[in-house]
Amino acid sequence: MHIPYAHSVPVAASILGIKTSKTYELIAEGKIRAKKIGSRTVVLDESLREYLASQPDAHVTYTKP
């Protein structure tokens, strides 16, 4: 399976399951690394993986109906 080295901001947002505007916010805060290629902003796949790894584990409680 081929995983791209970098993603457009909308694709990165989709990967994270968040809005594009929130992705730009994370980039501005330095929490996700991005590069400029001409006028395009691309998000490094490695940076997405690092960001996800830095997030706390989810603790879900499920009550069977």
C-alpha atoms as a PDB file:
ATOM      1  CA  MET A   1       0.000   0.000   0.000  1.00  0.00           C
ATOM      2  CA  HIS A   2       1.413   3.381  -1.025  1.00  0.00           C
ATOM      3  CA  ILE A   3       1.121   6.141   1.578  1.00  0.00           C
ATOM      4  CA  PRO A   4       1.806   9.649   0.252  1.00  0.00           C
ATOM      5  CA  TYR A   5       4.664  11.617   1.802  1.00  0.00           C
ATOM      6  CA  ALA A   6       2.448  14.715   2.050  1.00  0.00           C
ATOM      7  CA  HIS A   7      -1.247  15.566   1.868  1.00  0.00           C
ATOM      8  CA  SER A   8      -3.263  18.625   0.964  1.00  0.00           C
ATOM      9  CA  VAL A   9      -4.776  20.365   3.973  1.00  0.00           C
ATOM     10  CA  PRO A  10      -8.319  19.121   3.204  1.00  0.00           C
ATOM     11  CA  VAL A  11      -7.048  15.524   2.904  1.00  0.00           C
ATOM     12  CA  ALA A  12      -5.048  15.872   6.140  1.00  0.00           C
ATOM     13  CA  ALA A  13      -8.218  17.145   7.842  1.00  0.00           C
ATOM     14  CA  SER A  14     -10.130  14.149   6.541  1.00  0.00           C
ATOM     15  CA  ILE A  15      -7.442  11.761   7.800  1.00  0.00           C
ATOM     16  CA  LEU A  16      -7.674  13.329  11.267  1.00  0.00           C
ATOM     17  CA  GLY A  17     -11.474  13.503  11.165  1.00  0.00           C
ATOM     18  CA  ILE A  18     -11.511  17.249  11.814  1.00  0.00           C
ATOM     19  CA  LYS A  19     -12.458  20.374   9.872  1.00  0.00           C
ATOM     20  CA  THR A  20     -10.037  22.021   7.454  1.00  0.00           C
ATOM     21  CA  SER A  21     -10.100  25.220   9.525  1.00  0.00           C
ATOM     22  CA  LYS A  22      -9.002  23.278  12.628  1.00  0.00           C
ATOM     23  CA  THR A  23      -6.165  21.750  10.592  1.00  0.00           C
ATOM     24  CA  TYR A  24      -4.961  25.232   9.600  1.00  0.00           C
ATOM     25  CA  GLU A  25      -5.185  26.199  13.287  1.00  0.00           C
ATOM     26  CA  LEU A  26      -2.978  23.225  14.265  1.00  0.00           C
ATOM     27  CA  ILE A  27      -0.479  24.226  11.575  1.00  0.00           C
ATOM     28  CA  ALA A  28      -0.441  27.837  12.828  1.00  0.00           C
ATOM     29  CA  GLU A  29       0.137  26.595  16.392  1.00  0.00           C
ATOM     30  CA  GLY A  30       3.058  24.457  15.208  1.00  0.00           C
ATOM     31  CA  LYS A  31       1.359  21.225  16.267  1.00  0.00           C
ATOM     32  CA  ILE A  32       1.370  19.875  12.705  1.00  0.00           C
ATOM     33  CA  ARG A  33       4.191  20.584  10.256  1.00  0.00           C
ATOM     34  CA  ALA A  34       3.375  21.809   6.780  1.00  0.00           C
ATOM     35  CA  LYS A  35       5.399  22.890   3.745  1.00  0.00           C
ATOM     36  CA  LYS A  36       4.705  25.226   0.862  1.00  0.00           C
ATOM     37  CA  ILE A  37       5.007  23.925  -2.690  1.00  0.00           C
ATOM     38  CA  GLY A  38       4.406  26.962  -4.830  1.00  0.00           C
ATOM     39  CA  SER A  39       1.108  28.304  -3.560  1.00  0.00           C
ATOM     40  CA  ARG A  40      -0.020  24.953  -2.121  1.00  0.00           C
ATOM     41  CA  THR A  41       0.259  24.054   1.539  1.00  0.00           C
ATOM     42  CA  VAL A  42       0.910  20.372   2.161  1.00  0.00           C
ATOM     43  CA  VAL A  43       0.974  18.508   5.453  1.00  0.00           C
ATOM     44  CA  LEU A  44       3.665  15.915   6.032  1.00  0.00           C
ATOM     45  CA  ASP A  45       2.289  12.432   6.648  1.00  0.00           C
ATOM     46  CA  GLU A  46       4.942  11.883   9.335  1.00  0.00           C
ATOM     47  CA  SER A  47       3.692  14.987  11.135  1.00  0.00           C
ATOM     48  CA  LEU A  48       0.117  13.655  11.155  1.00  0.00           C
ATOM     49  CA  ARG A  49       1.340  10.389  12.676  1.00  0.00           C
ATOM     50  CA  GLU A  50       3.357  12.244  15.331  1.00  0.00           C
ATOM     51  CA  TYR A  51       0.393  14.468  16.185  1.00  0.00           C
ATOM     52  CA  LEU A  52      -1.938  11.500  16.566  1.00  0.00           C
ATOM     53  CA  ALA A  53       0.608   9.650  18.702  1.00  0.00           C
ATOM     54  CA  SER A  54       0.891  12.687  20.994  1.00  0.00           C
ATOM     55  CA  GLN A  55      -2.838  12.717  21.737  1.00  0.00           C
ATOM     56  CA  PRO A  56      -4.191  10.994  24.865  1.00  0.00           C
ATOM     57  CA  ASP A  57      -5.735   7.552  24.620  1.00  0.00           C
ATOM     58  CA  ALA A  58      -9.512   7.472  24.474  1.00  0.00           C
ATOM     59  CA  HIS A  59     -11.308   5.921  27.410  1.00  0.00           C
ATOM     60  CA  VAL A  60     -14.740   4.810  26.297  1.00  0.00           C
ATOM     61  CA  THR A  61     -17.407   3.383  28.541  1.00  0.00           C
ATOM     62  CA  TYR A  62     -19.939   1.151  26.881  1.00  0.00           C
ATOM     63  CA  THR A  63     -23.077  -0.140  28.531  1.00  0.00           C
ATOM     64  CA  LYS A  64     -24.685  -3.011  26.673  1.00  0.00           C
ATOM     65  CA  PRO A  65     -28.376  -2.252  26.003  1.00  0.00           C
END
